[in-house]
């Protein structure tokens, strides 16, 4: 017998088995990551300053009338003012000015084209409804034929609410 066997018998050890190691399980420990996420959440909740001005927005909405729906994009019924001035003794010597950003038109035909192109057409085009108020304002020295010419151009363009304003100087 060899010395290794004698030693084995003297100590009475069980036979040596070779252990097979299993492959380690791969996984993530999410506990620390969840802790970090909660800490960030608490930090942003504490550090954020909620102000009343950030939450409230003032809106100027039109008041609703019972039974009627109001279009918030509808233009005011401020009348369109057409000023007519005679500039000389001839029939073709007059000046027409439309109050507002519109500027001047050359003649009654130009006034008709201006008014006709800006009348609502039922398909979303135009600015003024046919009952939008128009006021013809003749000057103190304006001939009656010039004032009536502006009135006739507005009627021909299809407007229904046309009046004269008191003659100004």
N, C-alpha and C. Protein backbone atom coordinates (compact mmCIF):
# COMPACT_ATOMS: atom_id res chain seq x y z
N UNK A 1 0.81 -1.17 0.00
CA UNK A 1 0.00 0.00 0.00
C UNK A 1 0.86 1.24 0.00
N UNK A 2 0.27 2.16 -0.58
CA UNK A 2 1.03 3.39 -0.69
C UNK A 2 0.72 4.29 0.51
N UNK A 3 1.51 5.28 0.66
CA UNK A 3 1.32 6.18 1.79
C UNK A 3 0.04 7.00 1.68
N UNK A 4 -0.36 7.30 0.47
CA UNK A 4 -1.60 8.05 0.29
C UNK A 4 -2.80 7.26 0.72
N UNK A 5 -2.75 5.94 0.45
CA UNK A 5 -3.87 5.11 0.83
C UNK A 5 -3.87 4.89 2.34
N UNK A 6 -2.69 4.76 2.91
CA UNK A 6 -2.62 4.60 4.34
C UNK A 6 -3.17 5.83 5.06
N UNK A 7 -2.83 6.94 4.56
CA UNK A 7 -3.30 8.19 5.17
C UNK A 7 -4.80 8.29 5.04
N UNK A 8 -5.30 7.84 3.95
CA UNK A 8 -6.74 7.89 3.71
C UNK A 8 -7.48 6.96 4.67
N UNK A 9 -6.89 5.82 4.91
CA UNK A 9 -7.54 4.86 5.79
C UNK A 9 -7.42 5.29 7.23
N UNK A 10 -6.34 5.94 7.59
CA UNK A 10 -6.15 6.33 8.97
C UNK A 10 -7.10 7.45 9.36
N UNK A 11 -7.38 8.34 8.47
CA UNK A 11 -8.23 9.48 8.81
C UNK A 11 -9.70 9.13 8.60
N UNK A 12 -9.98 8.17 7.82
CA UNK A 12 -11.32 7.72 7.48
C UNK A 12 -12.12 8.84 6.82
N UNK A 13 -11.58 9.29 5.78
CA UNK A 13 -12.25 10.36 5.02
C UNK A 13 -13.10 9.74 3.93
N UNK A 14 -14.19 10.38 3.60
CA UNK A 14 -15.00 9.88 2.50
C UNK A 14 -14.26 10.09 1.19
N UNK A 15 -14.59 9.29 0.20
CA UNK A 15 -13.88 9.46 -1.06
C UNK A 15 -14.10 10.87 -1.64
N UNK A 16 -13.11 11.40 -2.30
CA UNK A 16 -13.17 12.77 -2.83
C UNK A 16 -14.02 12.78 -4.11
N UNK A 17 -14.95 13.69 -4.09
CA UNK A 17 -15.77 13.87 -5.29
C UNK A 17 -15.46 15.20 -5.89
N UNK A 18 -15.48 15.18 -7.12
CA UNK A 18 -15.23 16.43 -7.83
C UNK A 18 -16.54 17.19 -7.95
N UNK A 19 -16.53 18.44 -7.56
CA UNK A 19 -17.74 19.24 -7.65
C UNK A 19 -17.80 19.93 -8.99
N UNK A 20 -18.98 19.91 -9.57
CA UNK A 20 -19.19 20.60 -10.84
C UNK A 20 -19.86 21.93 -10.51
N UNK A 21 -19.23 22.98 -10.93
CA UNK A 21 -19.81 24.30 -10.66
C UNK A 21 -20.90 24.62 -11.67
N UNK A 22 -22.00 25.18 -11.16
CA UNK A 22 -23.08 25.60 -12.04
C UNK A 22 -22.78 27.01 -12.53
N UNK A 23 -23.31 27.31 -13.70
CA UNK A 23 -23.11 28.65 -14.25
C UNK A 23 -23.87 29.66 -13.38
N UNK A 24 -23.22 30.74 -13.06
CA UNK A 24 -23.91 31.72 -12.20
C UNK A 24 -25.10 32.36 -12.95
N UNK A 25 -26.17 32.65 -12.24
CA UNK A 25 -27.36 33.28 -12.84
C UNK A 25 -27.08 34.77 -13.05
N UNK A 26 -27.38 35.20 -14.24
CA UNK A 26 -27.15 36.61 -14.57
C UNK A 26 -28.44 37.37 -14.31
N UNK A 27 -28.37 38.45 -13.58
CA UNK A 27 -29.55 39.26 -13.28
C UNK A 27 -29.13 40.62 -12.76
N UNK A 28 -30.08 41.53 -12.76
CA UNK A 28 -29.79 42.87 -12.28
C UNK A 28 -30.43 43.05 -10.92
N UNK A 29 -29.72 43.69 -10.08
CA UNK A 29 -30.28 44.04 -8.79
C UNK A 29 -30.92 45.42 -8.94
N UNK A 30 -32.23 45.48 -9.03
CA UNK A 30 -32.94 46.73 -9.29
C UNK A 30 -33.22 47.53 -8.03
N UNK A 31 -32.92 47.01 -6.90
CA UNK A 31 -33.22 47.70 -5.65
C UNK A 31 -32.52 49.05 -5.57
N UNK A 32 -31.25 49.07 -5.88
CA UNK A 32 -30.52 50.35 -5.80
C UNK A 32 -31.00 51.32 -6.87
N UNK A 33 -31.37 50.82 -8.05
CA UNK A 33 -31.86 51.70 -9.10
C UNK A 33 -33.22 52.32 -8.71
N UNK A 34 -34.08 51.55 -8.11
CA UNK A 34 -35.37 52.07 -7.66
C UNK A 34 -35.17 53.11 -6.57
N UNK A 35 -34.22 52.87 -5.67
CA UNK A 35 -33.92 53.86 -4.64
C UNK A 35 -33.48 55.19 -5.24
N UNK A 36 -32.65 55.14 -6.27
CA UNK A 36 -32.18 56.36 -6.93
C UNK A 36 -33.34 57.08 -7.61
N UNK A 37 -34.23 56.35 -8.27
CA UNK A 37 -35.37 56.97 -8.94
C UNK A 37 -36.27 57.66 -7.93
N UNK A 38 -36.53 57.02 -6.80
CA UNK A 38 -37.37 57.66 -5.78
C UNK A 38 -36.70 58.88 -5.19
N UNK A 39 -35.40 58.84 -5.00
CA UNK A 39 -34.69 60.01 -4.49
C UNK A 39 -34.78 61.17 -5.49
N UNK A 40 -34.63 60.89 -6.79
CA UNK A 40 -34.77 61.95 -7.79
C UNK A 40 -36.19 62.51 -7.81
N UNK A 41 -37.17 61.64 -7.69
CA UNK A 41 -38.56 62.09 -7.67
C UNK A 41 -38.82 63.01 -6.48
N UNK A 42 -38.34 62.63 -5.33
CA UNK A 42 -38.51 63.48 -4.14
C UNK A 42 -37.78 64.79 -4.32
N UNK A 43 -36.58 64.76 -4.89
CA UNK A 43 -35.81 65.99 -5.10
C UNK A 43 -36.59 66.96 -6.00
N UNK A 44 -37.10 66.48 -7.14
CA UNK A 44 -37.81 67.38 -8.05
C UNK A 44 -39.13 67.86 -7.47
N UNK A 45 -39.77 67.06 -6.66
CA UNK A 45 -41.01 67.51 -6.02
C UNK A 45 -40.74 68.62 -5.02
N UNK A 46 -39.66 68.51 -4.28
CA UNK A 46 -39.33 69.52 -3.28
C UNK A 46 -38.75 70.77 -3.92
N UNK A 47 -37.96 70.60 -4.97
CA UNK A 47 -37.26 71.74 -5.59
C UNK A 47 -38.16 72.54 -6.53
N UNK A 48 -39.27 71.98 -7.01
CA UNK A 48 -40.15 72.70 -7.94
C UNK A 48 -41.01 73.68 -7.17
N UNK A 49 -41.14 74.88 -7.74
CA UNK A 49 -41.95 75.91 -7.10
C UNK A 49 -43.21 76.12 -7.94
N UNK A 50 -44.35 75.69 -7.42
CA UNK A 50 -45.62 75.85 -8.13
C UNK A 50 -46.19 77.21 -7.77
N UNK A 51 -46.37 78.05 -8.78
CA UNK A 51 -46.91 79.39 -8.55
C UNK A 51 -48.32 79.47 -9.09
N UNK A 52 -49.11 80.31 -8.50
CA UNK A 52 -50.49 80.47 -8.93
C UNK A 52 -50.56 81.02 -10.36
N UNK A 53 -49.64 81.88 -10.73
CA UNK A 53 -49.67 82.49 -12.07
C UNK A 53 -49.42 81.46 -13.16
N UNK A 54 -48.76 80.37 -12.83
CA UNK A 54 -48.50 79.34 -13.84
C UNK A 54 -49.71 78.47 -14.10
N UNK A 55 -50.67 78.49 -13.20
CA UNK A 55 -51.82 77.62 -13.32
C UNK A 55 -53.04 78.31 -13.90
N UNK A 56 -53.13 79.62 -13.79
CA UNK A 56 -54.35 80.33 -14.18
C UNK A 56 -54.08 81.15 -15.44
N UNK A 57 -54.91 80.93 -16.44
CA UNK A 57 -54.82 81.71 -17.67
C UNK A 57 -56.15 82.43 -17.84
N UNK A 58 -56.09 83.71 -18.06
CA UNK A 58 -57.30 84.48 -18.22
C UNK A 58 -57.72 84.44 -19.69
N UNK A 59 -58.96 84.11 -19.94
CA UNK A 59 -59.50 84.07 -21.28
C UNK A 59 -60.69 85.00 -21.36
N UNK A 60 -60.71 85.84 -22.35
CA UNK A 60 -61.84 86.72 -22.57
C UNK A 60 -62.75 86.07 -23.59
N UNK A 61 -63.63 85.20 -23.11
CA UNK A 61 -64.55 84.52 -23.99
C UNK A 61 -65.86 85.29 -24.05
N UNK A 62 -66.54 85.24 -25.16
CA UNK A 62 -67.82 85.95 -25.24
C UNK A 62 -68.85 85.27 -24.35
N UNK A 63 -69.76 86.08 -23.83
CA UNK A 63 -70.81 85.52 -22.99
C UNK A 63 -71.82 84.81 -23.86
N UNK A 64 -72.30 83.70 -23.35
CA UNK A 64 -73.29 82.93 -24.10
C UNK A 64 -74.68 83.41 -23.74
N UNK A 65 -75.48 83.57 -24.75
CA UNK A 65 -76.87 83.92 -24.57
C UNK A 65 -77.66 82.63 -24.72
N UNK A 66 -78.64 82.43 -23.84
CA UNK A 66 -79.38 81.17 -23.89
C UNK A 66 -80.03 80.98 -25.25
N UNK A 67 -79.84 79.80 -25.79
CA UNK A 67 -80.47 79.47 -27.07
C UNK A 67 -79.70 79.94 -28.28
N UNK A 68 -78.66 80.74 -28.09
CA UNK A 68 -77.88 81.25 -29.22
C UNK A 68 -76.43 80.84 -29.05
N UNK A 69 -75.82 80.47 -30.12
CA UNK A 69 -74.39 80.21 -30.06
C UNK A 69 -73.68 81.44 -30.63
N UNK A 70 -72.62 81.84 -29.97
CA UNK A 70 -71.88 83.03 -30.36
C UNK A 70 -70.55 82.59 -30.97
N UNK A 71 -70.23 83.11 -32.13
CA UNK A 71 -68.97 82.81 -32.79
C UNK A 71 -67.88 83.70 -32.20
N UNK A 72 -66.84 83.14 -31.57
CA UNK A 72 -65.82 83.99 -30.96
C UNK A 72 -64.97 84.74 -31.99
N UNK A 73 -65.01 84.32 -33.26
CA UNK A 73 -64.22 84.97 -34.29
C UNK A 73 -65.02 85.98 -35.10
N UNK A 74 -66.25 86.22 -34.70
CA UNK A 74 -67.11 87.15 -35.43
C UNK A 74 -66.61 88.59 -35.23
N UNK A 75 -66.59 89.35 -36.31
CA UNK A 75 -66.15 90.74 -36.22
C UNK A 75 -67.22 91.59 -35.54
N UNK A 76 -66.78 92.66 -34.91
CA UNK A 76 -67.73 93.59 -34.32
C UNK A 76 -68.55 94.23 -35.42
N UNK A 77 -69.72 94.73 -35.04
CA UNK A 77 -70.57 95.39 -36.03
C UNK A 77 -70.27 96.88 -36.11
N UNK A 78 -69.00 97.22 -36.00
CA UNK A 78 -68.64 98.62 -36.17
C UNK A 78 -68.84 98.97 -37.64
N UNK A 79 -69.55 100.05 -37.89
CA UNK A 79 -69.87 100.36 -39.29
C UNK A 79 -68.65 100.72 -40.12
N UNK A 80 -68.75 100.44 -41.39
CA UNK A 80 -67.73 100.82 -42.35
C UNK A 80 -68.08 102.22 -42.84
N UNK A 81 -67.20 103.17 -42.64
CA UNK A 81 -67.47 104.57 -42.97
C UNK A 81 -66.84 104.92 -44.32
N UNK A 82 -67.67 105.43 -45.22
CA UNK A 82 -67.24 105.81 -46.56
C UNK A 82 -67.37 107.32 -46.66
N UNK A 83 -66.26 108.04 -46.78
CA UNK A 83 -66.27 109.50 -46.87
C UNK A 83 -66.17 109.92 -48.33
N UNK A 84 -67.08 110.82 -48.72
CA UNK A 84 -67.13 111.31 -50.10
C UNK A 84 -66.92 112.81 -50.06
N UNK A 85 -65.99 113.30 -50.87
CA UNK A 85 -65.70 114.75 -50.95
C UNK A 85 -65.67 115.15 -52.42
N UNK A 86 -66.31 116.23 -52.75
CA UNK A 86 -66.20 116.81 -54.10
C UNK A 86 -64.97 117.69 -54.11
N UNK A 87 -64.15 117.54 -55.16
CA UNK A 87 -62.90 118.31 -55.22
C UNK A 87 -62.91 119.38 -56.29
N UNK A 88 -63.96 119.44 -57.08
CA UNK A 88 -64.05 120.44 -58.13
C UNK A 88 -65.45 120.49 -58.70
N UNK A 89 -65.65 121.35 -59.70
CA UNK A 89 -67.01 121.53 -60.24
C UNK A 89 -67.45 120.42 -61.20
N UNK A 90 -66.54 119.61 -61.72
CA UNK A 90 -66.90 118.58 -62.70
C UNK A 90 -67.51 117.35 -62.04
N UNK A 91 -68.21 116.55 -62.87
CA UNK A 91 -68.85 115.34 -62.35
C UNK A 91 -67.84 114.28 -61.91
N UNK A 92 -66.67 114.27 -62.50
CA UNK A 92 -65.66 113.26 -62.19
C UNK A 92 -64.65 113.76 -61.16
N UNK A 93 -64.93 114.88 -60.51
CA UNK A 93 -63.98 115.45 -59.56
C UNK A 93 -64.49 115.22 -58.14
N UNK A 94 -64.18 114.05 -57.63
CA UNK A 94 -64.55 113.70 -56.26
C UNK A 94 -63.48 112.77 -55.70
N UNK A 95 -63.52 112.59 -54.39
CA UNK A 95 -62.57 111.71 -53.73
C UNK A 95 -63.33 110.83 -52.75
N UNK A 96 -63.03 109.54 -52.75
CA UNK A 96 -63.69 108.58 -51.86
C UNK A 96 -62.63 107.99 -50.94
N UNK A 97 -62.91 108.01 -49.64
CA UNK A 97 -61.99 107.44 -48.64
C UNK A 97 -62.78 106.50 -47.74
N UNK A 98 -62.26 105.31 -47.52
CA UNK A 98 -62.89 104.35 -46.61
C UNK A 98 -62.10 104.39 -45.31
N UNK A 99 -62.80 104.70 -44.22
CA UNK A 99 -62.15 104.85 -42.92
C UNK A 99 -61.57 103.52 -42.46
N UNK A 100 -60.38 103.54 -41.94
CA UNK A 100 -59.72 102.33 -41.45
C UNK A 100 -58.48 102.03 -42.27
N UNK A 101 -58.05 100.79 -42.26
CA UNK A 101 -56.82 100.42 -42.97
C UNK A 101 -57.02 100.23 -44.47
N UNK A 102 -58.16 100.61 -44.99
CA UNK A 102 -58.51 100.32 -46.37
C UNK A 102 -57.94 101.34 -47.35
N UNK A 103 -57.86 102.59 -46.94
CA UNK A 103 -57.32 103.60 -47.83
C UNK A 103 -58.36 104.18 -48.78
N UNK A 104 -57.89 104.72 -49.88
CA UNK A 104 -58.77 105.38 -50.84
C UNK A 104 -59.04 104.49 -52.04
N UNK A 105 -60.20 104.72 -52.65
CA UNK A 105 -60.52 104.09 -53.93
C UNK A 105 -60.66 105.21 -54.95
N UNK A 106 -60.49 104.89 -56.22
CA UNK A 106 -60.44 105.93 -57.25
C UNK A 106 -61.80 106.46 -57.66
N UNK A 107 -62.78 105.57 -57.80
CA UNK A 107 -64.08 106.00 -58.29
C UNK A 107 -65.17 105.09 -57.73
N UNK A 108 -66.41 105.31 -58.18
CA UNK A 108 -67.53 104.53 -57.68
C UNK A 108 -67.43 103.06 -58.11
N UNK A 109 -66.87 102.80 -59.25
CA UNK A 109 -66.67 101.42 -59.70
C UNK A 109 -65.64 100.72 -58.80
N UNK A 110 -64.60 101.44 -58.43
CA UNK A 110 -63.61 100.91 -57.49
C UNK A 110 -64.22 100.66 -56.12
N UNK A 111 -65.13 101.54 -55.68
CA UNK A 111 -65.83 101.34 -54.41
C UNK A 111 -66.69 100.08 -54.48
N UNK A 112 -67.40 99.91 -55.59
CA UNK A 112 -68.22 98.71 -55.78
C UNK A 112 -67.36 97.46 -55.72
N UNK A 113 -66.23 97.43 -56.41
CA UNK A 113 -65.35 96.26 -56.43
C UNK A 113 -64.78 95.98 -55.03
N UNK A 114 -64.43 97.04 -54.32
CA UNK A 114 -63.92 96.87 -52.95
C UNK A 114 -64.98 96.24 -52.06
N UNK A 115 -66.19 96.80 -52.08
CA UNK A 115 -67.26 96.29 -51.22
C UNK A 115 -67.69 94.89 -51.63
N UNK A 116 -67.77 94.63 -52.92
CA UNK A 116 -68.20 93.32 -53.39
C UNK A 116 -67.19 92.23 -53.04
N UNK A 117 -65.90 92.55 -53.11
CA UNK A 117 -64.88 91.55 -52.82
C UNK A 117 -64.78 91.24 -51.33
N UNK A 118 -65.28 92.10 -50.47
CA UNK A 118 -65.19 91.89 -49.03
C UNK A 118 -66.51 91.48 -48.39
N UNK A 119 -67.51 91.19 -49.20
CA UNK A 119 -68.79 90.72 -48.68
C UNK A 119 -68.71 89.21 -48.47
N UNK A 120 -69.32 88.72 -47.38
CA UNK A 120 -69.32 87.28 -47.10
C UNK A 120 -70.01 86.55 -48.23
N UNK A 121 -69.40 85.45 -48.66
CA UNK A 121 -69.98 84.70 -49.78
C UNK A 121 -70.57 83.37 -49.36
N UNK A 122 -70.59 83.05 -48.07
CA UNK A 122 -71.17 81.80 -47.61
C UNK A 122 -70.19 80.64 -47.64
N UNK A 123 -69.01 80.82 -48.21
CA UNK A 123 -68.03 79.73 -48.28
C UNK A 123 -66.76 80.09 -47.52
N UNK A 124 -66.86 81.02 -46.58
CA UNK A 124 -65.72 81.38 -45.76
C UNK A 124 -64.93 82.57 -46.28
N UNK A 125 -65.30 83.13 -47.41
CA UNK A 125 -64.58 84.27 -47.95
C UNK A 125 -65.29 85.57 -47.60
N UNK A 126 -64.55 86.64 -47.50
CA UNK A 126 -65.12 87.95 -47.23
C UNK A 126 -65.05 88.32 -45.77
N UNK A 127 -65.37 89.60 -45.50
CA UNK A 127 -65.31 90.12 -44.13
C UNK A 127 -66.66 90.58 -43.62
N UNK A 128 -67.47 91.16 -44.47
CA UNK A 128 -68.68 91.82 -44.02
C UNK A 128 -69.92 91.09 -44.52
N UNK A 129 -70.89 90.92 -43.62
CA UNK A 129 -72.16 90.33 -44.01
C UNK A 129 -72.96 91.36 -44.79
N UNK A 130 -73.99 90.90 -45.49
CA UNK A 130 -74.77 91.83 -46.31
C UNK A 130 -75.54 92.83 -45.46
N UNK A 131 -75.77 92.52 -44.18
CA UNK A 131 -76.45 93.47 -43.31
C UNK A 131 -75.47 94.26 -42.42
N UNK A 132 -74.17 94.18 -42.75
CA UNK A 132 -73.18 94.97 -42.01
C UNK A 132 -73.45 96.46 -42.26
N UNK A 133 -73.42 97.28 -41.21
CA UNK A 133 -73.74 98.70 -41.40
C UNK A 133 -72.66 99.46 -42.18
N UNK A 134 -73.11 100.19 -43.20
CA UNK A 134 -72.25 101.08 -43.97
C UNK A 134 -72.79 102.49 -43.79
N UNK A 135 -71.90 103.44 -43.59
CA UNK A 135 -72.31 104.84 -43.43
C UNK A 135 -71.60 105.66 -44.50
N UNK A 136 -72.37 106.33 -45.32
CA UNK A 136 -71.83 107.25 -46.32
C UNK A 136 -71.79 108.63 -45.66
N UNK A 137 -70.59 109.23 -45.62
CA UNK A 137 -70.41 110.53 -44.97
C UNK A 137 -69.98 111.54 -46.03
N UNK A 138 -70.92 112.35 -46.52
CA UNK A 138 -70.53 113.39 -47.49
C UNK A 138 -69.95 114.60 -46.76
N UNK A 139 -69.03 115.31 -47.42
CA UNK A 139 -68.50 116.54 -46.87
C UNK A 139 -69.54 117.66 -46.99
N UNK A 140 -69.27 118.78 -46.35
CA UNK A 140 -70.21 119.91 -46.36
C UNK A 140 -70.40 120.45 -47.76
N UNK A 141 -69.37 120.43 -48.60
CA UNK A 141 -69.47 120.98 -49.95
C UNK A 141 -69.59 119.88 -51.02
N UNK A 142 -69.95 118.66 -50.62
CA UNK A 142 -70.08 117.54 -51.55
C UNK A 142 -71.38 117.63 -52.32
N UNK A 143 -71.31 117.39 -53.62
CA UNK A 143 -72.53 117.38 -54.43
C UNK A 143 -73.38 116.16 -54.07
N UNK A 144 -74.67 116.34 -54.18
CA UNK A 144 -75.59 115.26 -53.85
C UNK A 144 -75.38 114.06 -54.78
N UNK A 145 -75.05 114.31 -56.02
CA UNK A 145 -74.84 113.22 -56.98
C UNK A 145 -73.65 112.34 -56.58
N UNK A 146 -72.63 112.94 -55.97
CA UNK A 146 -71.48 112.16 -55.52
C UNK A 146 -71.85 111.28 -54.32
N UNK A 147 -72.62 111.82 -53.38
CA UNK A 147 -73.06 111.04 -52.21
C UNK A 147 -73.95 109.88 -52.65
N UNK A 148 -74.86 110.15 -53.59
CA UNK A 148 -75.76 109.10 -54.07
C UNK A 148 -74.98 108.07 -54.89
N UNK A 149 -73.94 108.47 -55.59
CA UNK A 149 -73.11 107.53 -56.33
C UNK A 149 -72.44 106.52 -55.40
N UNK A 150 -71.96 106.98 -54.24
CA UNK A 150 -71.37 106.06 -53.25
C UNK A 150 -72.44 105.13 -52.68
N UNK A 151 -73.63 105.68 -52.43
CA UNK A 151 -74.74 104.87 -51.93
C UNK A 151 -75.12 103.80 -52.94
N UNK A 152 -75.22 104.17 -54.21
CA UNK A 152 -75.59 103.21 -55.25
C UNK A 152 -74.53 102.11 -55.42
N UNK A 153 -73.26 102.45 -55.28
CA UNK A 153 -72.20 101.44 -55.38
C UNK A 153 -72.35 100.41 -54.26
N UNK A 154 -72.71 100.87 -53.05
CA UNK A 154 -72.89 99.95 -51.92
C UNK A 154 -74.12 99.06 -52.13
N UNK A 155 -75.20 99.64 -52.66
CA UNK A 155 -76.40 98.85 -52.93
C UNK A 155 -76.11 97.81 -54.01
N UNK A 156 -75.42 98.21 -55.05
CA UNK A 156 -75.07 97.30 -56.14
C UNK A 156 -74.19 96.15 -55.66
N UNK A 157 -73.36 96.40 -54.64
CA UNK A 157 -72.48 95.36 -54.08
C UNK A 157 -73.26 94.39 -53.20
N UNK A 158 -74.54 94.69 -52.91
CA UNK A 158 -75.37 93.74 -52.18
C UNK A 158 -75.55 94.02 -50.70
N UNK A 159 -75.18 95.20 -50.23
CA UNK A 159 -75.35 95.53 -48.82
C UNK A 159 -76.74 96.09 -48.57
N UNK A 160 -77.29 95.80 -47.38
CA UNK A 160 -78.67 96.18 -47.08
C UNK A 160 -78.78 97.30 -46.05
N UNK A 161 -77.77 97.47 -45.23
CA UNK A 161 -77.84 98.43 -44.12
C UNK A 161 -76.94 99.63 -44.42
N UNK A 162 -77.42 100.54 -45.26
CA UNK A 162 -76.63 101.70 -45.69
C UNK A 162 -77.35 102.96 -45.25
N UNK A 163 -76.62 103.84 -44.59
CA UNK A 163 -77.22 105.11 -44.13
C UNK A 163 -76.28 106.25 -44.46
N UNK A 164 -76.83 107.47 -44.34
CA UNK A 164 -76.04 108.68 -44.48
C UNK A 164 -75.82 109.25 -43.11
N UNK A 165 -74.64 109.80 -42.89
CA UNK A 165 -74.36 110.51 -41.65
C UNK A 165 -74.52 111.99 -41.91
N UNK A 166 -74.76 112.72 -40.87
CA UNK A 166 -74.93 114.17 -40.99
C UNK A 166 -73.71 114.76 -41.67
N UNK A 167 -73.97 115.71 -42.54
CA UNK A 167 -72.90 116.34 -43.32
C UNK A 167 -71.92 117.02 -42.40
N UNK A 168 -70.64 116.68 -42.59
CA UNK A 168 -69.60 117.28 -41.76
C UNK A 168 -68.87 118.34 -42.58
N UNK A 169 -68.14 119.17 -41.87
CA UNK A 169 -67.41 120.23 -42.58
C UNK A 169 -66.02 119.80 -42.93
